[in-house]
């Protein structure tokens, strides 16, 4: 049972790291919000919200 918890936590950490990387690319004008949202498999609206929450 503990292995499944660790696997879930690892996936969460990887997803958060990927989002942070996409936020940085958008902030550096290297990627559009639309393109970043596609890469994150999120709607543009949800991506913008997560990006605003991240920058607080």
C-alpha atoms as a PDB file:
ATOM      1  CA  UNK A   1       0.000   0.000   0.000  1.00  0.00           C
ATOM      2  CA  UNK A   2       2.834   2.403   0.780  1.00  0.00           C
ATOM      3  CA  UNK A   3       4.250   1.996  -2.724  1.00  0.00           C
ATOM      4  CA  UNK A   4       1.055   3.301  -4.279  1.00  0.00           C
ATOM      5  CA  UNK A   5       1.114   6.375  -2.053  1.00  0.00           C
ATOM      6  CA  UNK A   6       4.729   7.115  -2.991  1.00  0.00           C
ATOM      7  CA  UNK A   7       3.967   6.586  -6.684  1.00  0.00           C
ATOM      8  CA  UNK A   8       1.061   9.038  -6.467  1.00  0.00           C
ATOM      9  CA  UNK A   9       3.225  11.616  -4.667  1.00  0.00           C
ATOM     10  CA  UNK A  10       5.962  11.231  -7.281  1.00  0.00           C
ATOM     11  CA  UNK A  11       3.468  11.830 -10.092  1.00  0.00           C
ATOM     12  CA  UNK A  12       2.135  14.914  -8.294  1.00  0.00           C
ATOM     13  CA  UNK A  13       5.652  16.323  -7.889  1.00  0.00           C
ATOM     14  CA  UNK A  14       6.455  15.700 -11.562  1.00  0.00           C
ATOM     15  CA  UNK A  15       3.218  17.362 -12.686  1.00  0.00           C
ATOM     16  CA  UNK A  16       3.884  20.408 -10.487  1.00  0.00           C
ATOM     17  CA  UNK A  17       7.422  20.667 -11.839  1.00  0.00           C
ATOM     18  CA  UNK A  18       6.131  20.500 -15.391  1.00  0.00           C
ATOM     19  CA  UNK A  19       3.609  23.261 -14.682  1.00  0.00           C
ATOM     20  CA  UNK A  20       6.305  25.452 -13.129  1.00  0.00           C
ATOM     21  CA  UNK A  21       8.458  24.975 -16.218  1.00  0.00           C
ATOM     22  CA  UNK A  22       5.546  25.959 -18.475  1.00  0.00           C
ATOM     23  CA  UNK A  23       4.845  29.032 -16.311  1.00  0.00           C
ATOM     24  CA  UNK A  24       8.487  30.075 -16.655  1.00  0.00           C
ATOM     25  CA  UNK A  25       8.385  29.639 -20.432  1.00  0.00           C
ATOM     26  CA  UNK A  26       5.238  31.754 -20.677  1.00  0.00           C
ATOM     27  CA  UNK A  27       6.733  34.463 -18.435  1.00  0.00           C
ATOM     28  CA  UNK A  28       9.865  34.496 -20.590  1.00  0.00           C
ATOM     29  CA  UNK A  29       7.750  34.948 -23.733  1.00  0.00           C
ATOM     30  CA  UNK A  30       9.079  31.666 -25.113  1.00  0.00           C
ATOM     31  CA  UNK A  31       5.663  29.983 -25.179  1.00  0.00           C
ATOM     32  CA  UNK A  32       2.142  31.320 -25.504  1.00  0.00           C
ATOM     33  CA  UNK A  33      -0.476  30.626 -22.860  1.00  0.00           C
ATOM     34  CA  UNK A  34      -2.505  28.723 -25.457  1.00  0.00           C
ATOM     35  CA  UNK A  35       0.452  26.462 -26.284  1.00  0.00           C
ATOM     36  CA  UNK A  36       1.345  25.970 -22.625  1.00  0.00           C
ATOM     37  CA  UNK A  37      -2.239  25.060 -21.762  1.00  0.00           C
ATOM     38  CA  UNK A  38      -2.217  22.414 -24.488  1.00  0.00           C
ATOM     39  CA  UNK A  39       1.044  20.969 -23.141  1.00  0.00           C
ATOM     40  CA  UNK A  40      -0.412  20.914 -19.612  1.00  0.00           C
ATOM     41  CA  UNK A  41      -3.627  19.325 -20.893  1.00  0.00           C
ATOM     42  CA  UNK A  42      -5.636  22.156 -19.308  1.00  0.00           C
ATOM     43  CA  UNK A  43      -8.036  24.775 -20.583  1.00  0.00           C
ATOM     44  CA  UNK A  44      -6.495  28.212 -21.065  1.00  0.00           C
ATOM     45  CA  UNK A  45      -8.704  29.538 -18.266  1.00  0.00           C
ATOM     46  CA  UNK A  46      -7.543  26.891 -15.782  1.00  0.00           C
ATOM     47  CA  UNK A  47      -3.913  27.323 -16.852  1.00  0.00           C
ATOM     48  CA  UNK A  48      -4.150  31.090 -16.258  1.00  0.00           C
ATOM     49  CA  UNK A  49      -5.682  30.503 -12.812  1.00  0.00           C
ATOM     50  CA  UNK A  50      -2.947  28.052 -11.817  1.00  0.00           C
ATOM     51  CA  UNK A  51      -0.306  30.451 -13.124  1.00  0.00           C
ATOM     52  CA  UNK A  52      -1.771  33.317 -11.073  1.00  0.00           C
ATOM     53  CA  UNK A  53      -1.871  31.101  -7.965  1.00  0.00           C
ATOM     54  CA  UNK A  54       1.749  30.095  -8.578  1.00  0.00           C
ATOM     55  CA  UNK A  55       2.978  33.670  -8.844  1.00  0.00           C
ATOM     56  CA  UNK A  56       1.434  34.740  -5.499  1.00  0.00           C
END
